[in-house]
Amino acid sequence: MVINEDGQSSEIQEKILTIEVKRGWKEGTRITFPKEGDQGLNRVPADIVFTVRQKSHPLFERRNNDLIYKTQISLMMALTGFSVNVPTLDGRLLNIPVNDIV
């Protein structure tokens, strides 16, 4: 709600607020848009506050600031070396060679 120029009446207006999600934000991170909320007669416009919630992902698990990708390998692969294609969040595939015994 926005107070009109006459200071006596108000009207409902829509406004788009854009949030650029930053790398590393954790669950509970708060984004505040100061004084972007409803206005009222004789009161300061309210702040709008968004709180980040983490959503599970089918391929990755988050541990602190790391993303973990799990895959199954055979005993032969573990003993002789292999390479694994790891998908990325932006749709690429990274080919990771593993030459050590795991």
PDB file of N, CA and C in Angstrom:
ATOM      1  N   MET A   1       0.848  -1.159   0.000  1.00  0.00           N
ATOM      2  CA  MET A   1       0.000   0.000   0.000  1.00  0.00           C
ATOM      3  C   MET A   1       0.902   1.233   0.000  1.00  0.00           C
ATOM      4  N   VAL A   2       0.533   2.239  -0.799  1.00  0.00           N
ATOM      5  CA  VAL A   2       1.322   3.458  -0.947  1.00  0.00           C
ATOM      6  C   VAL A   2       0.431   4.657  -0.644  1.00  0.00           C
ATOM      7  N   ILE A   3       0.966   5.594   0.128  1.00  0.00           N
ATOM      8  CA  ILE A   3       0.240   6.827   0.445  1.00  0.00           C
ATOM      9  C   ILE A   3       0.326   7.756  -0.766  1.00  0.00           C
ATOM     10  N   ASN A   4      -0.797   8.297  -1.181  1.00  0.00           N
ATOM     11  CA  ASN A   4      -0.828   9.230  -2.308  1.00  0.00           C
ATOM     12  C   ASN A   4      -0.246  10.578  -1.901  1.00  0.00           C
ATOM     13  N   GLU A   5       0.000  11.423  -2.902  1.00  0.00           N
ATOM     14  CA  GLU A   5       0.624  12.727  -2.660  1.00  0.00           C
ATOM     15  C   GLU A   5      -0.196  13.613  -1.731  1.00  0.00           C
ATOM     16  N   ASP A   6      -1.509  13.412  -1.689  1.00  0.00           N
ATOM     17  CA  ASP A   6      -2.335  14.242  -0.808  1.00  0.00           C
ATOM     18  C   ASP A   6      -2.121  13.911   0.668  1.00  0.00           C
ATOM     19  N   GLY A   7      -1.431  12.771   0.934  1.00  0.00           N
ATOM     20  CA  GLY A   7      -1.142  12.368   2.305  1.00  0.00           C
ATOM     21  C   GLY A   7      -2.336  11.834   3.062  1.00  0.00           C
ATOM     22  N   GLN A   8      -3.475  11.766   2.430  1.00  0.00           N
ATOM     23  CA  GLN A   8      -4.704  11.340   3.105  1.00  0.00           C
ATOM     24  C   GLN A   8      -5.237  10.004   2.593  1.00  0.00           C
ATOM     25  N   SER A   9      -4.921   9.679   1.346  1.00  0.00           N
ATOM     26  CA  SER A   9      -5.460   8.446   0.763  1.00  0.00           C
ATOM     27  C   SER A   9      -4.320   7.526   0.355  1.00  0.00           C
ATOM     28  N   SER A  10      -4.667   6.287   0.103  1.00  0.00           N
ATOM     29  CA  SER A  10      -3.651   5.305  -0.279  1.00  0.00           C
ATOM     30  C   SER A  10      -4.194   4.439  -1.407  1.00  0.00           C
ATOM     31  N   GLU A  11      -3.282   3.737  -2.047  1.00  0.00           N
ATOM     32  CA  GLU A  11      -3.666   2.802  -3.099  1.00  0.00           C
ATOM     33  C   GLU A  11      -2.687   1.636  -3.099  1.00  0.00           C
ATOM     34  N   ILE A  12      -3.136   0.523  -3.639  1.00  0.00           N
ATOM     35  CA  ILE A  12      -2.275  -0.659  -3.740  1.00  0.00           C
ATOM     36  C   ILE A  12      -1.509  -0.576  -5.054  1.00  0.00           C
ATOM     37  N   GLN A  13      -0.197  -0.730  -4.969  1.00  0.00           N
ATOM     38  CA  GLN A  13       0.663  -0.747  -6.152  1.00  0.00           C
ATOM     39  C   GLN A  13       1.519  -1.997  -6.110  1.00  0.00           C
ATOM     40  N   GLU A  14       1.784  -2.558  -7.282  1.00  0.00           N
ATOM     41  CA  GLU A  14       2.689  -3.703  -7.371  1.00  0.00           C
ATOM     42  C   GLU A  14       4.088  -3.201  -7.681  1.00  0.00           C
ATOM     43  N   LYS A  15       5.074  -3.887  -7.121  1.00  0.00           N
ATOM     44  CA  LYS A  15       6.467  -3.547  -7.380  1.00  0.00           C
ATOM     45  C   LYS A  15       7.247  -4.843  -7.409  1.00  0.00           C
ATOM     46  N   ILE A  16       8.159  -4.967  -8.354  1.00  0.00           N
ATOM     47  CA  ILE A  16       9.002  -6.160  -8.449  1.00  0.00           C
ATOM     48  C   ILE A  16      10.327  -5.867  -7.760  1.00  0.00           C
ATOM     49  N   LEU A  17      10.685  -6.715  -6.807  1.00  0.00           N
ATOM     50  CA  LEU A  17      11.981  -6.642  -6.136  1.00  0.00           C
ATOM     51  C   LEU A  17      12.806  -7.824  -6.630  1.00  0.00           C
ATOM     52  N   THR A  18      14.039  -7.576  -7.015  1.00  0.00           N
ATOM     53  CA  THR A  18      14.893  -8.622  -7.568  1.00  0.00           C
ATOM     54  C   THR A  18      15.979  -8.982  -6.564  1.00  0.00           C
ATOM     55  N   ILE A  19      16.167 -10.289  -6.373  1.00  0.00           N
ATOM     56  CA  ILE A  19      17.228 -10.790  -5.497  1.00  0.00           C
ATOM     57  C   ILE A  19      18.214 -11.558  -6.356  1.00  0.00           C
ATOM     58  N   GLU A  20      19.475 -11.145  -6.321  1.00  0.00           N
ATOM     59  CA  GLU A  20      20.528 -11.885  -6.999  1.00  0.00           C
ATOM     60  C   GLU A  20      21.143 -12.827  -5.963  1.00  0.00           C
ATOM     61  N   VAL A  21      20.832 -14.111  -6.091  1.00  0.00           N
ATOM     62  CA  VAL A  21      21.321 -15.093  -5.116  1.00  0.00           C
ATOM     63  C   VAL A  21      22.824 -15.237  -5.290  1.00  0.00           C
ATOM     64  N   LYS A  22      23.544 -15.073  -4.194  1.00  0.00           N
ATOM     65  CA  LYS A  22      25.006 -15.113  -4.233  1.00  0.00           C
ATOM     66  C   LYS A  22      25.520 -16.496  -3.828  1.00  0.00           C
ATOM     67  N   ARG A  23      26.614 -16.863  -4.445  1.00  0.00           N
ATOM     68  CA  ARG A  23      27.275 -18.125  -4.138  1.00  0.00           C
ATOM     69  C   ARG A  23      27.638 -18.172  -2.654  1.00  0.00           C
ATOM     70  N   GLY A  24      27.366 -19.291  -2.016  1.00  0.00           N
ATOM     71  CA  GLY A  24      27.749 -19.464  -0.620  1.00  0.00           C
ATOM     72  C   GLY A  24      26.692 -19.061   0.391  1.00  0.00           C
ATOM     73  N   TRP A  25      25.584 -18.462  -0.050  1.00  0.00           N
ATOM     74  CA  TRP A  25      24.527 -18.128   0.900  1.00  0.00           C
ATOM     75  C   TRP A  25      24.007 -19.404   1.526  1.00  0.00           C
ATOM     76  N   LYS A  26      23.798 -19.367   2.822  1.00  0.00           N
ATOM     77  CA  LYS A  26      23.336 -20.542   3.554  1.00  0.00           C
ATOM     78  C   LYS A  26      21.884 -20.364   3.966  1.00  0.00           C
ATOM     79  N   GLU A  27      21.287 -21.469   4.371  1.00  0.00           N
ATOM     80  CA  GLU A  27      19.929 -21.411   4.905  1.00  0.00           C
ATOM     81  C   GLU A  27      19.909 -20.418   6.061  1.00  0.00           C
ATOM     82  N   GLY A  28      18.924 -19.558   6.064  1.00  0.00           N
ATOM     83  CA  GLY A  28      18.804 -18.567   7.119  1.00  0.00           C
ATOM     84  C   GLY A  28      19.350 -17.197   6.748  1.00  0.00           C
ATOM     85  N   THR A  29      20.090 -17.104   5.624  1.00  0.00           N
ATOM     86  CA  THR A  29      20.566 -15.798   5.171  1.00  0.00           C
ATOM     87  C   THR A  29      19.358 -14.896   4.931  1.00  0.00           C
ATOM     88  N   ARG A  30      19.445 -13.663   5.430  1.00  0.00           N
ATOM     89  CA  ARG A  30      18.313 -12.727   5.300  1.00  0.00           C
ATOM     90  C   ARG A  30      18.664 -11.612   4.322  1.00  0.00           C
ATOM     91  N   ILE A  31      17.734 -11.309   3.434  1.00  0.00           N
ATOM     92  CA  ILE A  31      17.878 -10.225   2.479  1.00  0.00           C
ATOM     93  C   ILE A  31      16.802  -9.201   2.811  1.00  0.00           C
ATOM     94  N   THR A  32      17.214  -7.959   3.077  1.00  0.00           N
ATOM     95  CA  THR A  32      16.273  -6.924   3.506  1.00  0.00           C
ATOM     96  C   THR A  32      16.177  -5.820   2.459  1.00  0.00           C
ATOM     97  N   PHE A  33      14.957  -5.459   2.139  1.00  0.00           N
ATOM     98  CA  PHE A  33      14.672  -4.293   1.302  1.00  0.00           C
ATOM     99  C   PHE A  33      14.087  -3.233   2.232  1.00  0.00           C
ATOM    100  N   PRO A  34      14.931  -2.289   2.696  1.00  0.00           N
ATOM    101  CA  PRO A  34      14.462  -1.294   3.668  1.00  0.00           C
ATOM    102  C   PRO A  34      13.339  -0.416   3.105  1.00  0.00           C
ATOM    103  N   LYS A  35      12.317  -0.239   3.920  1.00  0.00           N
ATOM    104  CA  LYS A  35      11.201   0.672   3.638  1.00  0.00           C
ATOM    105  C   LYS A  35      10.505   0.398   2.306  1.00  0.00           C
ATOM    106  N   GLU A  36      10.487  -0.863   1.873  1.00  0.00           N
ATOM    107  CA  GLU A  36       9.801  -1.229   0.627  1.00  0.00           C
ATOM    108  C   GLU A  36       8.428  -1.838   0.891  1.00  0.00           C
ATOM    109  N   GLY A  37       8.059  -1.976   2.159  1.00  0.00           N
ATOM    110  CA  GLY A  37       6.770  -2.570   2.504  1.00  0.00           C
ATOM    111  C   GLY A  37       5.647  -1.552   2.496  1.00  0.00           C
ATOM    112  N   ASP A  38       4.517  -1.969   3.039  1.00  0.00           N
ATOM    113  CA  ASP A  38       3.333  -1.104   3.075  1.00  0.00           C
ATOM    114  C   ASP A  38       3.609   0.196   3.816  1.00  0.00           C
ATOM    115  N   GLN A  39       3.018   1.252   3.305  1.00  0.00           N
ATOM    116  CA  GLN A  39       3.047   2.552   3.967  1.00  0.00           C
ATOM    117  C   GLN A  39       1.702   2.761   4.642  1.00  0.00           C
ATOM    118  N   GLY A  40       1.703   3.536   5.666  1.00  0.00           N
ATOM    119  CA  GLY A  40       0.458   3.885   6.338  1.00  0.00           C
ATOM    120  C   GLY A  40       0.524   5.321   6.814  1.00  0.00           C
ATOM    121  N   LEU A  41      -0.622   5.885   7.096  1.00  0.00           N
ATOM    122  CA  LEU A  41      -0.651   7.252   7.610  1.00  0.00           C
ATOM    123  C   LEU A  41       0.085   7.304   8.941  1.00  0.00           C
ATOM    124  N   ASN A  42       0.974   8.258   9.088  1.00  0.00           N
ATOM    125  CA  ASN A  42       1.727   8.474  10.329  1.00  0.00           C
ATOM    126  C   ASN A  42       2.600   7.289  10.735  1.00  0.00           C
ATOM    127  N   ARG A  43       3.070   6.514   9.764  1.00  0.00           N
ATOM    128  CA  ARG A  43       4.030   5.454  10.097  1.00  0.00           C
ATOM    129  C   ARG A  43       5.022   5.261   8.954  1.00  0.00           C
ATOM    130  N   VAL A  44       6.208   4.832   9.318  1.00  0.00           N
ATOM    131  CA  VAL A  44       7.296   4.608   8.368  1.00  0.00           C
ATOM    132  C   VAL A  44       6.994   3.340   7.569  1.00  0.00           C
ATOM    133  N   PRO A  45       7.295   3.317   6.256  1.00  0.00           N
ATOM    134  CA  PRO A  45       7.086   2.091   5.483  1.00  0.00           C
ATOM    135  C   PRO A  45       7.876   0.924   6.082  1.00  0.00           C
ATOM    136  N   ALA A  46       7.273  -0.232   6.056  1.00  0.00           N
ATOM    137  CA  ALA A  46       7.900  -1.427   6.626  1.00  0.00           C
ATOM    138  C   ALA A  46       9.029  -1.927   5.733  1.00  0.00           C
ATOM    139  N   ASP A  47       9.971  -2.668   6.341  1.00  0.00           N
ATOM    140  CA  ASP A  47      11.000  -3.375   5.581  1.00  0.00           C
ATOM    141  C   ASP A  47      10.393  -4.674   5.057  1.00  0.00           C
ATOM    142  N   ILE A  48      10.893  -5.133   3.918  1.00  0.00           N
ATOM    143  CA  ILE A  48      10.538  -6.460   3.412  1.00  0.00           C
ATOM    144  C   ILE A  48      11.769  -7.330   3.603  1.00  0.00           C
ATOM    145  N   VAL A  49      11.602  -8.472   4.251  1.00  0.00           N
ATOM    146  CA  VAL A  49      12.719  -9.359   4.565  1.00  0.00           C
ATOM    147  C   VAL A  49      12.436 -10.738   3.983  1.00  0.00           C
ATOM    148  N   PHE A  50      13.391 -11.250   3.203  1.00  0.00           N
ATOM    149  CA  PHE A  50      13.330 -12.605   2.670  1.00  0.00           C
ATOM    150  C   PHE A  50      14.369 -13.441   3.404  1.00  0.00           C
ATOM    151  N   THR A  51      14.028 -14.691   3.696  1.00  0.00           N
ATOM    152  CA  THR A  51      14.955 -15.614   4.344  1.00  0.00           C
ATOM    153  C   THR A  51      15.209 -16.785   3.405  1.00  0.00           C
ATOM    154  N   VAL A  52      16.498 -17.087   3.149  1.00  0.00           N
ATOM    155  CA  VAL A  52      16.876 -18.167   2.242  1.00  0.00           C
ATOM    156  C   VAL A  52      16.576 -19.516   2.887  1.00  0.00           C
ATOM    157  N   ARG A  53      15.932 -20.373   2.117  1.00  0.00           N
ATOM    158  CA  ARG A  53      15.709 -21.757   2.535  1.00  0.00           C
ATOM    159  C   ARG A  53      16.390 -22.660   1.526  1.00  0.00           C
ATOM    160  N   GLN A  54      17.047 -23.689   2.019  1.00  0.00           N
ATOM    161  CA  GLN A  54      17.770 -24.611   1.156  1.00  0.00           C
ATOM    162  C   GLN A  54      16.834 -25.703   0.676  1.00  0.00           C
ATOM    163  N   LYS A  55      16.917 -25.999  -0.609  1.00  0.00           N
ATOM    164  CA  LYS A  55      16.094 -27.038  -1.211  1.00  0.00           C
ATOM    165  C   LYS A  55      17.010 -28.206  -1.565  1.00  0.00           C
ATOM    166  N   SER A  56      16.557 -29.431  -1.349  1.00  0.00           N
ATOM    167  CA  SER A  56      17.403 -30.580  -1.679  1.00  0.00           C
ATOM    168  C   SER A  56      17.551 -30.691  -3.194  1.00  0.00           C
ATOM    169  N   HIS A  57      18.657 -31.292  -3.620  1.00  0.00           N
ATOM    170  CA  HIS A  57      18.971 -31.449  -5.037  1.00  0.00           C
ATOM    171  C   HIS A  57      19.129 -32.936  -5.322  1.00  0.00           C
ATOM    172  N   PRO A  58      18.687 -33.419  -6.477  1.00  0.00           N
ATOM    173  CA  PRO A  58      18.770 -34.858  -6.747  1.00  0.00           C
ATOM    174  C   PRO A  58      20.189 -35.388  -6.934  1.00  0.00           C
ATOM    175  N   LEU A  59      21.159 -34.536  -7.283  1.00  0.00           N
ATOM    176  CA  LEU A  59      22.518 -35.015  -7.552  1.00  0.00           C
ATOM    177  C   LEU A  59      23.554 -34.585  -6.524  1.00  0.00           C
ATOM    178  N   PHE A  60      23.325 -33.468  -5.859  1.00  0.00           N
ATOM    179  CA  PHE A  60      24.344 -32.904  -4.979  1.00  0.00           C
ATOM    180  C   PHE A  60      23.853 -32.800  -3.547  1.00  0.00           C
ATOM    181  N   GLU A  61      24.824 -32.871  -2.635  1.00  0.00           N
ATOM    182  CA  GLU A  61      24.559 -32.657  -1.210  1.00  0.00           C
ATOM    183  C   GLU A  61      25.454 -31.502  -0.777  1.00  0.00           C
ATOM    184  N   ARG A  62      24.946 -30.623   0.041  1.00  0.00           N
ATOM    185  CA  ARG A  62      25.755 -29.500   0.521  1.00  0.00           C
ATOM    186  C   ARG A  62      26.344 -29.849   1.877  1.00  0.00           C
ATOM    187  N   ARG A  63      27.651 -29.642   2.005  1.00  0.00           N
ATOM    188  CA  ARG A  63      28.348 -29.766   3.289  1.00  0.00           C
ATOM    189  C   ARG A  63      29.135 -28.479   3.487  1.00  0.00           C
ATOM    190  N   ASN A  64      28.641 -27.646   4.390  1.00  0.00           N
ATOM    191  CA  ASN A  64      29.222 -26.315   4.604  1.00  0.00           C
ATOM    192  C   ASN A  64      29.223 -25.553   3.279  1.00  0.00           C
ATOM    193  N   ASN A  65      30.391 -25.201   2.751  1.00  0.00           N
ATOM    194  CA  ASN A  65      30.444 -24.486   1.475  1.00  0.00           C
ATOM    195  C   ASN A  65      30.785 -25.389   0.301  1.00  0.00           C
ATOM    196  N   ASP A  66      30.761 -26.708   0.508  1.00  0.00           N
ATOM    197  CA  ASP A  66      31.107 -27.653  -0.549  1.00  0.00           C
ATOM    198  C   ASP A  66      29.860 -28.349  -1.078  1.00  0.00           C
ATOM    199  N   LEU A  67      29.884 -28.672  -2.376  1.00  0.00           N
ATOM    200  CA  LEU A  67      28.861 -29.521  -2.967  1.00  0.00           C
ATOM    201  C   LEU A  67      29.474 -30.895  -3.165  1.00  0.00           C
ATOM    202  N   ILE A  68      28.790 -31.924  -2.699  1.00  0.00           N
ATOM    203  CA  ILE A  68      29.279 -33.296  -2.774  1.00  0.00           C
ATOM    204  C   ILE A  68      28.482 -34.041  -3.837  1.00  0.00           C
ATOM    205  N   TYR A  69      29.200 -34.736  -4.731  1.00  0.00           N
ATOM    206  CA  TYR A  69      28.577 -35.583  -5.745  1.00  0.00           C
ATOM    207  C   TYR A  69      29.032 -37.008  -5.477  1.00  0.00           C
ATOM    208  N   LYS A  70      28.097 -37.932  -5.393  1.00  0.00           N
ATOM    209  CA  LYS A  70      28.432 -39.332  -5.129  1.00  0.00           C
ATOM    210  C   LYS A  70      28.117 -40.170  -6.359  1.00  0.00           C
ATOM    211  N   THR A  71      28.981 -41.152  -6.617  1.00  0.00           N
ATOM    212  CA  THR A  71      28.749 -42.103  -7.698  1.00  0.00           C
ATOM    213  C   THR A  71      29.249 -43.469  -7.258  1.00  0.00           C
ATOM    214  N   GLN A  72      28.721 -44.515  -7.858  1.00  0.00           N
ATOM    215  CA  GLN A  72      29.166 -45.867  -7.520  1.00  0.00           C
ATOM    216  C   GLN A  72      30.209 -46.315  -8.534  1.00  0.00           C
ATOM    217  N   ILE A  73      31.210 -47.036  -8.024  1.00  0.00           N
ATOM    218  CA  ILE A  73      32.247 -47.594  -8.891  1.00  0.00           C
ATOM    219  C   ILE A  73      32.442 -49.056  -8.530  1.00  0.00           C
ATOM    220  N   SER A  74      32.960 -49.808  -9.489  1.00  0.00           N
ATOM    221  CA  SER A  74      33.223 -51.232  -9.244  1.00  0.00           C
ATOM    222  C   SER A  74      34.569 -51.389  -8.541  1.00  0.00           C
ATOM    223  N   LEU A  75      34.806 -52.566  -8.012  1.00  0.00           N
ATOM    224  CA  LEU A  75      36.090 -52.869  -7.380  1.00  0.00           C
ATOM    225  C   LEU A  75      37.213 -52.743  -8.404  1.00  0.00           C
ATOM    226  N   MET A  76      36.988 -53.224  -9.607  1.00  0.00           N
ATOM    227  CA  MET A  76      38.002 -53.140 -10.660  1.00  0.00           C
ATOM    228  C   MET A  76      38.357 -51.674 -10.946  1.00  0.00           C
ATOM    229  N   MET A  77      37.355 -50.830 -11.030  1.00  0.00           N
ATOM    230  CA  MET A  77      37.615 -49.407 -11.269  1.00  0.00           C
ATOM    231  C   MET A  77      38.422 -48.811 -10.118  1.00  0.00           C
ATOM    232  N   ALA A  78      38.079 -49.188  -8.890  1.00  0.00           N
ATOM    233  CA  ALA A  78      38.770 -48.651  -7.717  1.00  0.00           C
ATOM    234  C   ALA A  78      40.234 -49.064  -7.693  1.00  0.00           C
ATOM    235  N   LEU A  79      40.534 -50.247  -8.208  1.00  0.00           N
ATOM    236  CA  LEU A  79      41.908 -50.756  -8.169  1.00  0.00           C
ATOM    237  C   LEU A  79      42.750 -50.321  -9.366  1.00  0.00           C
ATOM    238  N   THR A  80      42.117 -50.085 -10.502  1.00  0.00           N
ATOM    239  CA  THR A  80      42.894 -49.824 -11.719  1.00  0.00           C
ATOM    240  C   THR A  80      42.815 -48.388 -12.219  1.00  0.00           C
ATOM    241  N   GLY A  81      41.951 -47.592 -11.643  1.00  0.00           N
ATOM    242  CA  GLY A  81      41.796 -46.210 -12.109  1.00  0.00           C
ATOM    243  C   GLY A  81      40.622 -46.089 -13.072  1.00  0.00           C
ATOM    244  N   PHE A  82      40.100 -44.913 -13.163  1.00  0.00           N
ATOM    245  CA  PHE A  82      38.928 -44.662 -14.008  1.00  0.00           C
ATOM    246  C   PHE A  82      38.758 -43.157 -14.146  1.00  0.00           C
ATOM    247  N   SER A  83      37.799 -42.770 -14.923  1.00  0.00           N
ATOM    248  CA  SER A  83      37.412 -41.359 -14.956  1.00  0.00           C
ATOM    249  C   SER A  83      35.902 -41.301 -14.787  1.00  0.00           C
ATOM    250  N   VAL A  84      35.450 -40.226 -14.187  1.00  0.00           N
ATOM    251  CA  VAL A  84      34.022 -40.061 -13.922  1.00  0.00           C
ATOM    252  C   VAL A  84      33.575 -38.716 -14.491  1.00  0.00           C
ATOM    253  N   ASN A  85      32.412 -38.717 -15.131  1.00  0.00           N
ATOM    254  CA  ASN A  85      31.819 -37.474 -15.626  1.00  0.00           C
ATOM    255  C   ASN A  85      30.930 -36.905 -14.536  1.00  0.00           C
ATOM    256  N   VAL A  86      31.306 -35.734 -14.046  1.00  0.00           N
ATOM    257  CA  VAL A  86      30.562 -35.086 -12.964  1.00  0.00           C
ATOM    258  C   VAL A  86      29.753 -33.934 -13.560  1.00  0.00           C
ATOM    259  N   PRO A  87      28.428 -33.978 -13.412  1.00  0.00           N
ATOM    260  CA  PRO A  87      27.616 -32.870 -13.921  1.00  0.00           C
ATOM    261  C   PRO A  87      27.800 -31.632 -13.043  1.00  0.00           C
ATOM    262  N   THR A  88      27.657 -30.467 -13.645  1.00  0.00           N
ATOM    263  CA  THR A  88      27.746 -29.216 -12.895  1.00  0.00           C
ATOM    264  C   THR A  88      26.366 -28.572 -12.833  1.00  0.00           C
ATOM    265  N   LEU A  89      26.218 -27.591 -11.966  1.00  0.00           N
ATOM    266  CA  LEU A  89      24.930 -26.908 -11.830  1.00  0.00           C
ATOM    267  C   LEU A  89      24.556 -26.120 -13.083  1.00  0.00           C
ATOM    268  N   ASP A  90      25.563 -25.746 -13.880  1.00  0.00           N
ATOM    269  CA  ASP A  90      25.262 -24.990 -15.102  1.00  0.00           C
ATOM    270  C   ASP A  90      25.136 -25.884 -16.333  1.00  0.00           C
ATOM    271  N   GLY A  91      25.064 -27.215 -16.122  1.00  0.00           N
ATOM    272  CA  GLY A  91      24.778 -28.135 -17.222  1.00  0.00           C
ATOM    273  C   GLY A  91      25.988 -28.726 -17.919  1.00  0.00           C
ATOM    274  N   ARG A  92      27.196 -28.347 -17.530  1.00  0.00           N
ATOM    275  CA  ARG A  92      28.387 -28.935 -18.148  1.00  0.00           C
ATOM    276  C   ARG A  92      28.689 -30.287 -17.518  1.00  0.00           C
ATOM    277  N   LEU A  93      29.547 -31.070 -18.178  1.00  0.00           N
ATOM    278  CA  LEU A  93      30.062 -32.316 -17.615  1.00  0.00           C
ATOM    279  C   LEU A  93      31.567 -32.167 -17.461  1.00  0.00           C
ATOM    280  N   LEU A  94      32.067 -32.414 -16.259  1.00  0.00           N
ATOM    281  CA  LEU A  94      33.507 -32.380 -16.016  1.00  0.00           C
ATOM    282  C   LEU A  94      34.011 -33.812 -15.966  1.00  0.00           C
ATOM    283  N   ASN A  95      35.005 -34.123 -16.793  1.00  0.00           N
ATOM    284  CA  ASN A  95      35.604 -35.449 -16.790  1.00  0.00           C
ATOM    285  C   ASN A  95      36.756 -35.432 -15.793  1.00  0.00           C
ATOM    286  N   ILE A  96      36.606 -36.191 -14.707  1.00  0.00           N
ATOM    287  CA  ILE A  96      37.600 -36.214 -13.631  1.00  0.00           C
ATOM    288  C   ILE A  96      38.315 -37.564 -13.644  1.00  0.00           C
ATOM    289  N   PRO A  97      39.616 -37.573 -13.983  1.00  0.00           N
ATOM    290  CA  PRO A  97      40.357 -38.834 -13.927  1.00  0.00           C
ATOM    291  C   PRO A  97      40.739 -39.169 -12.483  1.00  0.00           C
ATOM    292  N   VAL A  98      40.602 -40.436 -12.124  1.00  0.00           N
ATOM    293  CA  VAL A  98      41.002 -40.917 -10.793  1.00  0.00           C
ATOM    294  C   VAL A  98      42.022 -42.021 -11.036  1.00  0.00           C
ATOM    295  N   ASN A  99      43.289 -41.733 -10.726  1.00  0.00           N
ATOM    296  CA  ASN A  99      44.364 -42.683 -10.990  1.00  0.00           C
ATOM    297  C   ASN A  99      44.863 -43.377  -9.736  1.00  0.00           C
ATOM    298  N   ASP A 100      44.476 -42.884  -8.563  1.00  0.00           N
ATOM    299  CA  ASP A 100      44.897 -43.501  -7.310  1.00  0.00           C
ATOM    300  C   ASP A 100      43.945 -44.633  -6.948  1.00  0.00           C
ATOM    301  N   ILE A 101      44.430 -45.580  -6.178  1.00  0.00           N
ATOM    302  CA  ILE A 101      43.571 -46.645  -5.666  1.00  0.00           C
ATOM    303  C   ILE A 101      42.656 -46.031  -4.616  1.00  0.00           C
ATOM    304  N   VAL A 102      41.351 -46.284  -4.749  1.00  0.00           N
ATOM    305  CA  VAL A 102      40.397 -45.736  -3.780  1.00  0.00           C
ATOM    306  C   VAL A 102      39.732 -46.834  -2.985  1.00  0.00           C
TER     307      VAL A 102
END
